[in-house]
């Protein structure tokens, strides 16, 4: 009887923890989507990729390479800014406003609170990547013609932002729903519709053999790798946000990003002869594992096995960073 009561109590406690986790994660995602900066960065990614075919028309046959480099770099850079600011606005903002103290006064422990915060931020980052990925593929498809722009492919992407903003404004006027979050969701839908239109569009007046016959599908695993890197950056930003505010957090994330990109050059080549270099090479995240643009230029498809290994690397690193964040947050003073 005592064992049965204990099992029942443990099950009830687990259900409460999961309910609290889901509620905090959903609230975090909702707050992130209601931030104007989230909409600004997402719209900037779409607008930047829509402009790339126009700005890279006469490139002596290197248009696809230039657009791939710029689109993926834009995805990475804007995602870095979004990860840093979202983590600070969510965690350090809650600590500063006293919201965290209110939530933690309920039967919610700090580990559940912090991990739920990361889950909500991760959902917003995945939505950002889900918008940036088809936008980059449409941009490359629009520049597929030599010295020409495929306007029937590009115009739906260019019109996605005004269409989403107009629809969100109409919904806000009629129902008083929040404009920013609706605009982000509608922008994702509009980019998705533009992607479908690009996949159905024939090339050079011919008929498309099937949907997406002229789309660069090799961009998908490359963008997936960047999405993994952004989740890792979000975890690093959340760990820093337990102690720091927005500006120092974004600054330190940028330093980690830049040093990690040069990790092979700065520390990797000296790892065999220097213990300090070997330690730094092991501790700092190596972003080159997620930046495989060269494979696109060589027309090499990134194999699923490589994506799986990169996911394992990101997952293990993510566990370590979140563990440090939990240790830091345990001793963080939460003001009421």
C-alpha atoms as a PDB file:
ATOM      1  CA  UNK A   1       0.000   0.000   0.000  1.00  0.00           C
ATOM      2  CA  UNK A   2       2.788   2.406   0.909  1.00  0.00           C
ATOM      3  CA  UNK A   3       4.605   1.617  -2.350  1.00  0.00           C
ATOM      4  CA  UNK A   4       1.405   2.213  -4.339  1.00  0.00           C
ATOM      5  CA  UNK A   5       0.830   5.545  -2.584  1.00  0.00           C
ATOM      6  CA  UNK A   6       4.424   6.522  -3.265  1.00  0.00           C
ATOM      7  CA  UNK A   7       4.092   5.652  -6.944  1.00  0.00           C
ATOM      8  CA  UNK A   8       0.850   7.604  -7.176  1.00  0.00           C
ATOM      9  CA  UNK A   9       2.446  10.632  -5.498  1.00  0.00           C
ATOM     10  CA  UNK A  10       5.463  10.486  -7.823  1.00  0.00           C
ATOM     11  CA  UNK A  11       3.177  10.272 -10.858  1.00  0.00           C
ATOM     12  CA  UNK A  12       1.099  13.241  -9.685  1.00  0.00           C
ATOM     13  CA  UNK A  13       4.248  15.249  -9.024  1.00  0.00           C
ATOM     14  CA  UNK A  14       5.609  14.424 -12.481  1.00  0.00           C
ATOM     15  CA  UNK A  15       2.361  15.561 -14.078  1.00  0.00           C
ATOM     16  CA  UNK A  16       2.539  18.874 -12.192  1.00  0.00           C
ATOM     17  CA  UNK A  17       6.133  19.381 -13.317  1.00  0.00           C
ATOM     18  CA  UNK A  18       5.258  18.656 -16.949  1.00  0.00           C
ATOM     19  CA  UNK A  19       2.217  20.958 -16.796  1.00  0.00           C
ATOM     20  CA  UNK A  20       4.337  23.754 -15.321  1.00  0.00           C
ATOM     21  CA  UNK A  21       7.050  23.157 -17.920  1.00  0.00           C
ATOM     22  CA  UNK A  22       4.560  23.306 -20.810  1.00  0.00           C
ATOM     23  CA  UNK A  23       2.862  26.425 -19.438  1.00  0.00           C
ATOM     24  CA  UNK A  24       6.133  28.340 -18.928  1.00  0.00           C
ATOM     25  CA  UNK A  25       7.507  27.255 -22.317  1.00  0.00           C
ATOM     26  CA  UNK A  26       4.317  28.353 -24.099  1.00  0.00           C
ATOM     27  CA  UNK A  27       4.329  31.676 -22.246  1.00  0.00           C
ATOM     28  CA  UNK A  28       7.996  32.236 -23.145  1.00  0.00           C
ATOM     29  CA  UNK A  29       7.344  31.511 -26.823  1.00  0.00           C
ATOM     30  CA  UNK A  30       4.324  33.829 -26.816  1.00  0.00           C
ATOM     31  CA  UNK A  31       6.339  36.635 -25.226  1.00  0.00           C
ATOM     32  CA  UNK A  32       9.172  36.136 -27.711  1.00  0.00           C
ATOM     33  CA  UNK A  33       6.806  36.334 -30.669  1.00  0.00           C
ATOM     34  CA  UNK A  34       5.285  39.531 -29.262  1.00  0.00           C
ATOM     35  CA  UNK A  35       8.647  41.306 -29.169  1.00  0.00           C
ATOM     36  CA  UNK A  36       8.981  43.857 -32.015  1.00  0.00           C
ATOM     37  CA  UNK A  37      12.653  42.923 -32.406  1.00  0.00           C
ATOM     38  CA  UNK A  38      11.686  39.335 -33.270  1.00  0.00           C
ATOM     39  CA  UNK A  39       9.463  40.608 -36.067  1.00  0.00           C
ATOM     40  CA  UNK A  40      12.119  43.082 -37.208  1.00  0.00           C
ATOM     41  CA  UNK A  41      14.862  40.441 -37.463  1.00  0.00           C
ATOM     42  CA  UNK A  42      12.594  37.903 -39.173  1.00  0.00           C
ATOM     43  CA  UNK A  43      11.340  40.463 -41.693  1.00  0.00           C
ATOM     44  CA  UNK A  44      14.913  41.668 -42.280  1.00  0.00           C
ATOM     45  CA  UNK A  45      15.981  38.094 -43.109  1.00  0.00           C
ATOM     46  CA  UNK A  46      13.156  37.728 -45.648  1.00  0.00           C
ATOM     47  CA  UNK A  47      13.717  41.182 -47.161  1.00  0.00           C
ATOM     48  CA  UNK A  48      17.480  40.658 -47.385  1.00  0.00           C
ATOM     49  CA  UNK A  49      17.097  37.341 -49.175  1.00  0.00           C
ATOM     50  CA  UNK A  50      14.481  38.788 -51.525  1.00  0.00           C
ATOM     51  CA  UNK A  51      16.904  41.586 -52.489  1.00  0.00           C
ATOM     52  CA  UNK A  52      19.895  39.315 -53.103  1.00  0.00           C
ATOM     53  CA  UNK A  53      18.950  38.244 -56.673  1.00  0.00           C
ATOM     54  CA  UNK A  54      18.447  41.913 -57.585  1.00  0.00           C
ATOM     55  CA  UNK A  55      21.805  42.970 -56.150  1.00  0.00           C
ATOM     56  CA  UNK A  56      23.786  40.070 -57.657  1.00  0.00           C
ATOM     57  CA  UNK A  57      22.590  39.980 -61.263  1.00  0.00           C
ATOM     58  CA  UNK A  58      25.893  40.415 -63.150  1.00  0.00           C
ATOM     59  CA  UNK A  59      28.245  38.050 -61.352  1.00  0.00           C
ATOM     60  CA  UNK A  60      29.887  36.157 -64.249  1.00  0.00           C
ATOM     61  CA  UNK A  61      28.108  32.933 -63.403  1.00  0.00           C
ATOM     62  CA  UNK A  62      28.836  33.099 -59.661  1.00  0.00           C
ATOM     63  CA  UNK A  63      25.389  34.362 -58.648  1.00  0.00           C
ATOM     64  CA  UNK A  64      24.308  31.117 -56.976  1.00  0.00           C
ATOM     65  CA  UNK A  65      27.510  30.966 -54.922  1.00  0.00           C
ATOM     66  CA  UNK A  66      27.209  34.591 -53.794  1.00  0.00           C
ATOM     67  CA  UNK A  67      23.538  34.249 -52.893  1.00  0.00           C
ATOM     68  CA  UNK A  68      24.175  31.024 -50.950  1.00  0.00           C
ATOM     69  CA  UNK A  69      27.008  32.637 -48.966  1.00  0.00           C
ATOM     70  CA  UNK A  70      25.042  35.781 -48.201  1.00  0.00           C
ATOM     71  CA  UNK A  71      21.736  34.065 -47.407  1.00  0.00           C
ATOM     72  CA  UNK A  72      23.299  31.577 -45.017  1.00  0.00           C
ATOM     73  CA  UNK A  73      25.431  34.281 -43.390  1.00  0.00           C
ATOM     74  CA  UNK A  74      22.311  36.410 -42.938  1.00  0.00           C
ATOM     75  CA  UNK A  75      20.502  33.442 -41.380  1.00  0.00           C
ATOM     76  CA  UNK A  76      23.402  32.870 -38.981  1.00  0.00           C
ATOM     77  CA  UNK A  77      24.030  36.516 -38.036  1.00  0.00           C
ATOM     78  CA  UNK A  78      20.416  37.581 -37.512  1.00  0.00           C
ATOM     79  CA  UNK A  79      19.785  34.347 -35.612  1.00  0.00           C
ATOM     80  CA  UNK A  80      22.680  35.220 -33.308  1.00  0.00           C
ATOM     81  CA  UNK A  81      21.118  38.605 -32.536  1.00  0.00           C
ATOM     82  CA  UNK A  82      17.706  37.030 -31.996  1.00  0.00           C
ATOM     83  CA  UNK A  83      19.071  34.332 -29.670  1.00  0.00           C
ATOM     84  CA  UNK A  84      20.932  36.831 -27.495  1.00  0.00           C
ATOM     85  CA  UNK A  85      18.154  39.375 -27.186  1.00  0.00           C
ATOM     86  CA  UNK A  86      15.387  36.776 -26.710  1.00  0.00           C
ATOM     87  CA  UNK A  87      17.266  35.061 -23.881  1.00  0.00           C
ATOM     88  CA  UNK A  88      17.847  38.353 -22.063  1.00  0.00           C
ATOM     89  CA  UNK A  89      14.329  39.667 -22.549  1.00  0.00           C
ATOM     90  CA  UNK A  90      12.910  36.372 -21.344  1.00  0.00           C
ATOM     91  CA  UNK A  91      15.110  35.554 -18.347  1.00  0.00           C
ATOM     92  CA  UNK A  92      16.872  38.679 -17.110  1.00  0.00           C
ATOM     93  CA  UNK A  93      13.754  40.703 -17.940  1.00  0.00           C
ATOM     94  CA  UNK A  94      11.643  38.389 -15.774  1.00  0.00           C
ATOM     95  CA  UNK A  95      14.182  38.632 -12.959  1.00  0.00           C
ATOM     96  CA  UNK A  96      14.249  42.423 -13.174  1.00  0.00           C
ATOM     97  CA  UNK A  97      10.448  42.779 -13.308  1.00  0.00           C
ATOM     98  CA  UNK A  98       9.869  40.289 -10.478  1.00  0.00           C
ATOM     99  CA  UNK A  99       7.949  37.887 -12.715  1.00  0.00           C
ATOM    100  CA  UNK A 100      10.461  35.118 -12.042  1.00  0.00           C
ATOM    101  CA  UNK A 101       9.999  35.478  -8.288  1.00  0.00           C
ATOM    102  CA  UNK A 102       6.227  35.221  -8.686  1.00  0.00           C
ATOM    103  CA  UNK A 103       6.497  32.022 -10.730  1.00  0.00           C
ATOM    104  CA  UNK A 104       9.118  30.472  -8.441  1.00  0.00           C
ATOM    105  CA  UNK A 105       6.924  31.170  -5.421  1.00  0.00           C
ATOM    106  CA  UNK A 106       4.550  28.560  -6.864  1.00  0.00           C
ATOM    107  CA  UNK A 107       5.443  24.848  -6.750  1.00  0.00           C
ATOM    108  CA  UNK A 108       7.932  25.354  -9.627  1.00  0.00           C
ATOM    109  CA  UNK A 109      11.619  24.653  -9.081  1.00  0.00           C
ATOM    110  CA  UNK A 110      14.390  26.627 -10.755  1.00  0.00           C
ATOM    111  CA  UNK A 111      15.504  23.775 -13.004  1.00  0.00           C
ATOM    112  CA  UNK A 112      12.033  23.402 -14.512  1.00  0.00           C
ATOM    113  CA  UNK A 113      11.729  27.170 -14.880  1.00  0.00           C
ATOM    114  CA  UNK A 114      15.065  27.554 -16.690  1.00  0.00           C
ATOM    115  CA  UNK A 115      14.631  24.551 -18.980  1.00  0.00           C
ATOM    116  CA  UNK A 116      11.101  25.670 -19.881  1.00  0.00           C
ATOM    117  CA  UNK A 117      12.478  29.104 -20.719  1.00  0.00           C
ATOM    118  CA  UNK A 118      14.988  27.509 -23.077  1.00  0.00           C
ATOM    119  CA  UNK A 119      12.283  25.354 -24.675  1.00  0.00           C
ATOM    120  CA  UNK A 120      10.185  28.444 -25.434  1.00  0.00           C
ATOM    121  CA  UNK A 121      13.163  30.316 -26.873  1.00  0.00           C
ATOM    122  CA  UNK A 122      14.128  27.247 -28.914  1.00  0.00           C
ATOM    123  CA  UNK A 123      10.632  27.188 -30.403  1.00  0.00           C
ATOM    124  CA  UNK A 124      11.011  30.802 -31.519  1.00  0.00           C
ATOM    125  CA  UNK A 125      14.464  30.115 -32.987  1.00  0.00           C
ATOM    126  CA  UNK A 126      13.152  27.130 -34.940  1.00  0.00           C
ATOM    127  CA  UNK A 127      10.336  29.275 -36.324  1.00  0.00           C
ATOM    128  CA  UNK A 128      12.916  31.856 -37.433  1.00  0.00           C
ATOM    129  CA  UNK A 129      14.947  29.149 -39.195  1.00  0.00           C
ATOM    130  CA  UNK A 130      11.773  27.722 -40.731  1.00  0.00           C
ATOM    131  CA  UNK A 131      11.205  31.110 -42.380  1.00  0.00           C
ATOM    132  CA  UNK A 132      14.839  31.710 -43.394  1.00  0.00           C
ATOM    133  CA  UNK A 133      15.318  28.288 -45.021  1.00  0.00           C
ATOM    134  CA  UNK A 134      12.609  28.499 -47.758  1.00  0.00           C
ATOM    135  CA  UNK A 135      13.441  32.183 -48.287  1.00  0.00           C
ATOM    136  CA  UNK A 136      17.058  31.280 -49.094  1.00  0.00           C
ATOM    137  CA  UNK A 137      15.915  28.551 -51.490  1.00  0.00           C
ATOM    138  CA  UNK A 138      13.579  30.961 -53.297  1.00  0.00           C
ATOM    139  CA  UNK A 139      16.391  33.520 -53.613  1.00  0.00           C
ATOM    140  CA  UNK A 140      18.676  30.959 -55.266  1.00  0.00           C
ATOM    141  CA  UNK A 141      15.877  29.778 -57.553  1.00  0.00           C
ATOM    142  CA  UNK A 142      15.140  33.366 -58.661  1.00  0.00           C
ATOM    143  CA  UNK A 143      18.788  33.837 -59.694  1.00  0.00           C
ATOM    144  CA  UNK A 144      19.039  30.539 -61.575  1.00  0.00           C
ATOM    145  CA  UNK A 145      18.791  32.251 -64.989  1.00  0.00           C
ATOM    146  CA  UNK A 146      22.004  33.711 -66.398  1.00  0.00           C
ATOM    147  CA  UNK A 147      21.991  37.531 -66.284  1.00  0.00           C
ATOM    148  CA  UNK A 148      18.268  37.507 -65.549  1.00  0.00           C
ATOM    149  CA  UNK A 149      15.943  37.483 -62.581  1.00  0.00           C
ATOM    150  CA  UNK A 150      13.052  35.046 -62.536  1.00  0.00           C
ATOM    151  CA  UNK A 151      10.472  37.565 -61.391  1.00  0.00           C
ATOM    152  CA  UNK A 152       7.525  35.127 -61.152  1.00  0.00           C
ATOM    153  CA  UNK A 153       9.588  33.264 -58.545  1.00  0.00           C
ATOM    154  CA  UNK A 154      10.900  36.309 -56.682  1.00  0.00           C
ATOM    155  CA  UNK A 155       7.798  38.513 -56.509  1.00  0.00           C
ATOM    156  CA  UNK A 156       5.798  36.250 -54.148  1.00  0.00           C
ATOM    157  CA  UNK A 157       8.719  36.338 -51.693  1.00  0.00           C
ATOM    158  CA  UNK A 158       9.085  40.112 -52.066  1.00  0.00           C
ATOM    159  CA  UNK A 159       5.368  40.524 -51.440  1.00  0.00           C
ATOM    160  CA  UNK A 160       5.337  38.268 -48.366  1.00  0.00           C
ATOM    161  CA  UNK A 161       6.224  41.069 -45.930  1.00  0.00           C
ATOM    162  CA  UNK A 162       3.643  43.687 -47.035  1.00  0.00           C
ATOM    163  CA  UNK A 163       1.006  40.954 -47.360  1.00  0.00           C
ATOM    164  CA  UNK A 164       1.667  39.623 -43.856  1.00  0.00           C
ATOM    165  CA  UNK A 165       1.811  43.101 -42.336  1.00  0.00           C
ATOM    166  CA  UNK A 166      -1.438  44.163 -44.024  1.00  0.00           C
ATOM    167  CA  UNK A 167      -3.230  40.999 -42.912  1.00  0.00           C
ATOM    168  CA  UNK A 168      -1.943  41.355 -39.335  1.00  0.00           C
ATOM    169  CA  UNK A 169      -3.028  45.011 -39.268  1.00  0.00           C
ATOM    170  CA  UNK A 170      -6.512  44.042 -40.456  1.00  0.00           C
ATOM    171  CA  UNK A 171      -6.781  41.318 -37.807  1.00  0.00           C
ATOM    172  CA  UNK A 172      -5.561  43.741 -35.141  1.00  0.00           C
ATOM    173  CA  UNK A 173      -8.118  46.352 -36.197  1.00  0.00           C
ATOM    174  CA  UNK A 174     -11.017  43.884 -36.256  1.00  0.00           C
ATOM    175  CA  UNK A 175     -10.211  41.705 -33.240  1.00  0.00           C
ATOM    176  CA  UNK A 176      -7.617  43.670 -31.216  1.00  0.00           C
ATOM    177  CA  UNK A 177      -5.233  40.725 -31.354  1.00  0.00           C
ATOM    178  CA  UNK A 178      -1.502  41.542 -30.926  1.00  0.00           C
ATOM    179  CA  UNK A 179      -0.092  42.788 -34.227  1.00  0.00           C
ATOM    180  CA  UNK A 180       3.512  41.578 -33.812  1.00  0.00           C
ATOM    181  CA  UNK A 181       2.882  37.897 -33.078  1.00  0.00           C
ATOM    182  CA  UNK A 182       0.212  37.655 -35.788  1.00  0.00           C
ATOM    183  CA  UNK A 183       2.543  39.337 -38.278  1.00  0.00           C
ATOM    184  CA  UNK A 184       5.301  36.791 -37.566  1.00  0.00           C
ATOM    185  CA  UNK A 185       2.963  33.825 -37.996  1.00  0.00           C
ATOM    186  CA  UNK A 186       1.409  35.293 -41.143  1.00  0.00           C
ATOM    187  CA  UNK A 187       4.866  36.066 -42.529  1.00  0.00           C
ATOM    188  CA  UNK A 188       5.822  32.410 -42.042  1.00  0.00           C
ATOM    189  CA  UNK A 189       2.635  31.384 -43.887  1.00  0.00           C
ATOM    190  CA  UNK A 190       3.285  33.882 -46.697  1.00  0.00           C
ATOM    191  CA  UNK A 191       6.870  32.654 -47.163  1.00  0.00           C
ATOM    192  CA  UNK A 192       5.558  29.085 -47.220  1.00  0.00           C
ATOM    193  CA  UNK A 193       3.080  29.983 -49.969  1.00  0.00           C
ATOM    194  CA  UNK A 194       5.852  31.755 -51.903  1.00  0.00           C
ATOM    195  CA  UNK A 195       7.939  28.588 -51.590  1.00  0.00           C
ATOM    196  CA  UNK A 196       5.114  26.497 -53.034  1.00  0.00           C
ATOM    197  CA  UNK A 197       4.764  28.957 -55.919  1.00  0.00           C
ATOM    198  CA  UNK A 198       8.515  28.804 -56.576  1.00  0.00           C
ATOM    199  CA  UNK A 199       8.432  25.009 -56.588  1.00  0.00           C
ATOM    200  CA  UNK A 200       5.650  24.968 -59.172  1.00  0.00           C
ATOM    201  CA  UNK A 201       7.235  27.585 -61.422  1.00  0.00           C
ATOM    202  CA  UNK A 202       8.847  26.186 -64.615  1.00  0.00           C
ATOM    203  CA  UNK A 203      12.335  27.254 -65.627  1.00  0.00           C
ATOM    204  CA  UNK A 204      13.049  29.209 -68.796  1.00  0.00           C
ATOM    205  CA  UNK A 205       9.573  28.748 -70.170  1.00  0.00           C
ATOM    206  CA  UNK A 206       9.593  24.959 -69.904  1.00  0.00           C
ATOM    207  CA  UNK A 207       7.408  22.739 -67.767  1.00  0.00           C
ATOM    208  CA  UNK A 208       8.550  21.651 -64.337  1.00  0.00           C
ATOM    209  CA  UNK A 209       8.916  17.875 -64.179  1.00  0.00           C
ATOM    210  CA  UNK A 210       7.664  17.797 -60.599  1.00  0.00           C
ATOM    211  CA  UNK A 211       7.344  20.095 -57.606  1.00  0.00           C
ATOM    212  CA  UNK A 212      10.662  21.626 -56.681  1.00  0.00           C
ATOM    213  CA  UNK A 213      12.513  20.265 -59.690  1.00  0.00           C
ATOM    214  CA  UNK A 214      14.496  23.511 -59.994  1.00  0.00           C
ATOM    215  CA  UNK A 215      14.933  24.265 -56.292  1.00  0.00           C
ATOM    216  CA  UNK A 216      18.311  23.797 -54.593  1.00  0.00           C
ATOM    217  CA  UNK A 217      17.369  21.133 -52.049  1.00  0.00           C
ATOM    218  CA  UNK A 218      20.984  20.840 -50.888  1.00  0.00           C
ATOM    219  CA  UNK A 219      20.351  24.080 -48.994  1.00  0.00           C
ATOM    220  CA  UNK A 220      18.041  22.269 -46.563  1.00  0.00           C
ATOM    221  CA  UNK A 221      20.666  20.305 -44.557  1.00  0.00           C
ATOM    222  CA  UNK A 222      22.961  23.340 -44.536  1.00  0.00           C
ATOM    223  CA  UNK A 223      20.203  25.488 -43.036  1.00  0.00           C
ATOM    224  CA  UNK A 224      19.386  22.676 -40.589  1.00  0.00           C
ATOM    225  CA  UNK A 225      22.984  22.772 -39.365  1.00  0.00           C
ATOM    226  CA  UNK A 226      22.737  26.531 -38.896  1.00  0.00           C
ATOM    227  CA  UNK A 227      19.495  26.048 -36.940  1.00  0.00           C
ATOM    228  CA  UNK A 228      21.371  23.660 -34.624  1.00  0.00           C
ATOM    229  CA  UNK A 229      24.094  26.250 -34.109  1.00  0.00           C
ATOM    230  CA  UNK A 230      21.474  28.893 -33.274  1.00  0.00           C
ATOM    231  CA  UNK A 231      19.938  26.625 -30.619  1.00  0.00           C
ATOM    232  CA  UNK A 232      23.393  26.253 -29.105  1.00  0.00           C
ATOM    233  CA  UNK A 233      23.882  30.029 -29.192  1.00  0.00           C
ATOM    234  CA  UNK A 234      20.487  30.469 -27.508  1.00  0.00           C
ATOM    235  CA  UNK A 235      21.602  28.162 -24.676  1.00  0.00           C
ATOM    236  CA  UNK A 236      24.854  30.119 -24.260  1.00  0.00           C
ATOM    237  CA  UNK A 237      22.894  33.384 -24.218  1.00  0.00           C
ATOM    238  CA  UNK A 238      20.482  31.980 -21.621  1.00  0.00           C
ATOM    239  CA  UNK A 239      23.385  30.919 -19.406  1.00  0.00           C
ATOM    240  CA  UNK A 240      24.880  34.418 -19.636  1.00  0.00           C
ATOM    241  CA  UNK A 241      21.471  36.013 -19.039  1.00  0.00           C
ATOM    242  CA  UNK A 242      21.345  34.456 -15.573  1.00  0.00           C
ATOM    243  CA  UNK A 243      23.936  37.085 -14.588  1.00  0.00           C
ATOM    244  CA  UNK A 244      24.095  39.727 -17.320  1.00  0.00           C
ATOM    245  CA  UNK A 245      21.803  42.091 -19.209  1.00  0.00           C
ATOM    246  CA  UNK A 246      21.187  42.437 -22.944  1.00  0.00           C
ATOM    247  CA  UNK A 247      24.254  44.354 -24.149  1.00  0.00           C
ATOM    248  CA  UNK A 248      26.962  42.295 -22.383  1.00  0.00           C
ATOM    249  CA  UNK A 249      25.156  39.047 -23.233  1.00  0.00           C
ATOM    250  CA  UNK A 250      24.931  39.806 -26.956  1.00  0.00           C
ATOM    251  CA  UNK A 251      28.522  41.094 -26.933  1.00  0.00           C
ATOM    252  CA  UNK A 252      29.883  37.944 -25.289  1.00  0.00           C
ATOM    253  CA  UNK A 253      27.805  35.740 -27.610  1.00  0.00           C
ATOM    254  CA  UNK A 254      29.287  37.594 -30.576  1.00  0.00           C
ATOM    255  CA  UNK A 255      32.812  37.044 -29.222  1.00  0.00           C
ATOM    256  CA  UNK A 256      32.128  33.332 -28.688  1.00  0.00           C
ATOM    257  CA  UNK A 257      30.718  33.176 -32.222  1.00  0.00           C
ATOM    258  CA  UNK A 258      33.706  34.888 -33.861  1.00  0.00           C
ATOM    259  CA  UNK A 259      36.344  32.998 -31.867  1.00  0.00           C
ATOM    260  CA  UNK A 260      34.504  29.716 -32.487  1.00  0.00           C
ATOM    261  CA  UNK A 261      34.530  30.352 -36.233  1.00  0.00           C
ATOM    262  CA  UNK A 262      38.334  30.727 -36.071  1.00  0.00           C
ATOM    263  CA  UNK A 263      38.826  27.900 -33.572  1.00  0.00           C
ATOM    264  CA  UNK A 264      40.601  25.616 -36.046  1.00  0.00           C
ATOM    265  CA  UNK A 265      43.076  28.359 -36.974  1.00  0.00           C
ATOM    266  CA  UNK A 266      43.575  29.832 -33.500  1.00  0.00           C
ATOM    267  CA  UNK A 267      43.714  26.663 -31.393  1.00  0.00           C
ATOM    268  CA  UNK A 268      43.270  23.554 -33.535  1.00  0.00           C
ATOM    269  CA  UNK A 269      46.654  23.693 -35.242  1.00  0.00           C
ATOM    270  CA  UNK A 270      48.397  24.208 -31.870  1.00  0.00           C
ATOM    271  CA  UNK A 271      46.389  21.632 -29.908  1.00  0.00           C
ATOM    272  CA  UNK A 272      49.040  18.916 -30.321  1.00  0.00           C
ATOM    273  CA  UNK A 273      51.822  21.046 -28.812  1.00  0.00           C
ATOM    274  CA  UNK A 274      50.016  23.279 -26.305  1.00  0.00           C
ATOM    275  CA  UNK A 275      47.781  22.158 -23.457  1.00  0.00           C
ATOM    276  CA  UNK A 276      46.190  25.597 -23.259  1.00  0.00           C
ATOM    277  CA  UNK A 277      45.331  25.543 -26.966  1.00  0.00           C
ATOM    278  CA  UNK A 278      44.013  21.982 -26.646  1.00  0.00           C
ATOM    279  CA  UNK A 279      41.810  22.967 -23.686  1.00  0.00           C
ATOM    280  CA  UNK A 280      40.434  26.028 -25.475  1.00  0.00           C
ATOM    281  CA  UNK A 281      39.884  24.003 -28.639  1.00  0.00           C
ATOM    282  CA  UNK A 282      37.870  21.462 -26.661  1.00  0.00           C
ATOM    283  CA  UNK A 283      35.860  23.959 -24.595  1.00  0.00           C
ATOM    284  CA  UNK A 284      34.918  26.542 -27.210  1.00  0.00           C
ATOM    285  CA  UNK A 285      32.185  25.537 -29.685  1.00  0.00           C
ATOM    286  CA  UNK A 286      33.551  25.002 -33.179  1.00  0.00           C
ATOM    287  CA  UNK A 287      31.029  26.652 -35.490  1.00  0.00           C
ATOM    288  CA  UNK A 288      32.797  25.286 -38.550  1.00  0.00           C
ATOM    289  CA  UNK A 289      30.985  22.011 -37.862  1.00  0.00           C
ATOM    290  CA  UNK A 290      27.758  23.823 -38.751  1.00  0.00           C
ATOM    291  CA  UNK A 291      29.076  26.025 -41.568  1.00  0.00           C
ATOM    292  CA  UNK A 292      29.403  23.750 -44.615  1.00  0.00           C
ATOM    293  CA  UNK A 293      28.845  26.221 -47.446  1.00  0.00           C
ATOM    294  CA  UNK A 294      31.792  24.757 -49.354  1.00  0.00           C
ATOM    295  CA  UNK A 295      29.761  21.606 -49.925  1.00  0.00           C
ATOM    296  CA  UNK A 296      27.210  23.673 -51.854  1.00  0.00           C
ATOM    297  CA  UNK A 297      29.862  25.189 -54.090  1.00  0.00           C
ATOM    298  CA  UNK A 298      31.237  21.722 -54.873  1.00  0.00           C
ATOM    299  CA  UNK A 299      27.712  20.405 -55.598  1.00  0.00           C
ATOM    300  CA  UNK A 300      28.127  17.866 -52.795  1.00  0.00           C
ATOM    301  CA  UNK A 301      25.028  16.893 -50.844  1.00  0.00           C
ATOM    302  CA  UNK A 302      25.596  17.010 -47.079  1.00  0.00           C
ATOM    303  CA  UNK A 303      25.027  13.394 -45.980  1.00  0.00           C
ATOM    304  CA  UNK A 304      22.495  12.554 -43.287  1.00  0.00           C
ATOM    305  CA  UNK A 305      25.261  10.879 -41.281  1.00  0.00           C
ATOM    306  CA  UNK A 306      27.130  14.172 -41.023  1.00  0.00           C
ATOM    307  CA  UNK A 307      23.977  16.002 -39.924  1.00  0.00           C
ATOM    308  CA  UNK A 308      23.440  13.306 -37.279  1.00  0.00           C
ATOM    309  CA  UNK A 309      27.001  13.653 -35.964  1.00  0.00           C
ATOM    310  CA  UNK A 310      26.657  17.442 -35.855  1.00  0.00           C
ATOM    311  CA  UNK A 311      23.356  17.025 -33.991  1.00  0.00           C
ATOM    312  CA  UNK A 312      25.070  14.757 -31.464  1.00  0.00           C
ATOM    313  CA  UNK A 313      27.855  17.322 -30.998  1.00  0.00           C
ATOM    314  CA  UNK A 314      25.324  20.128 -30.570  1.00  0.00           C
ATOM    315  CA  UNK A 315      23.214  18.022 -28.199  1.00  0.00           C
ATOM    316  CA  UNK A 316      26.130  17.118 -25.919  1.00  0.00           C
ATOM    317  CA  UNK A 317      27.375  20.695 -25.905  1.00  0.00           C
ATOM    318  CA  UNK A 318      23.825  21.882 -25.213  1.00  0.00           C
ATOM    319  CA  UNK A 319      23.570  19.615 -22.176  1.00  0.00           C
ATOM    320  CA  UNK A 320      26.832  21.006 -20.812  1.00  0.00           C
ATOM    321  CA  UNK A 321      25.834  24.653 -21.350  1.00  0.00           C
ATOM    322  CA  UNK A 322      22.383  24.168 -19.818  1.00  0.00           C
ATOM    323  CA  UNK A 323      23.968  22.399 -16.829  1.00  0.00           C
ATOM    324  CA  UNK A 324      26.197  25.427 -16.248  1.00  0.00           C
ATOM    325  CA  UNK A 325      23.167  27.697 -16.672  1.00  0.00           C
ATOM    326  CA  UNK A 326      21.277  25.719 -14.016  1.00  0.00           C
ATOM    327  CA  UNK A 327      24.215  25.955 -11.591  1.00  0.00           C
ATOM    328  CA  UNK A 328      24.430  29.704 -12.201  1.00  0.00           C
ATOM    329  CA  UNK A 329      20.691  30.241 -11.835  1.00  0.00           C
ATOM    330  CA  UNK A 330      20.563  28.316  -8.541  1.00  0.00           C
ATOM    331  CA  UNK A 331      22.578  31.066  -6.859  1.00  0.00           C
ATOM    332  CA  UNK A 332      21.079  33.988  -8.765  1.00  0.00           C
ATOM    333  CA  UNK A 333      19.180  36.417  -6.574  1.00  0.00           C
ATOM    334  CA  UNK A 334      15.568  36.674  -7.727  1.00  0.00           C
ATOM    335  CA  UNK A 335      14.019  39.932  -6.589  1.00  0.00           C
ATOM    336  CA  UNK A 336      10.353  40.238  -5.786  1.00  0.00           C
END
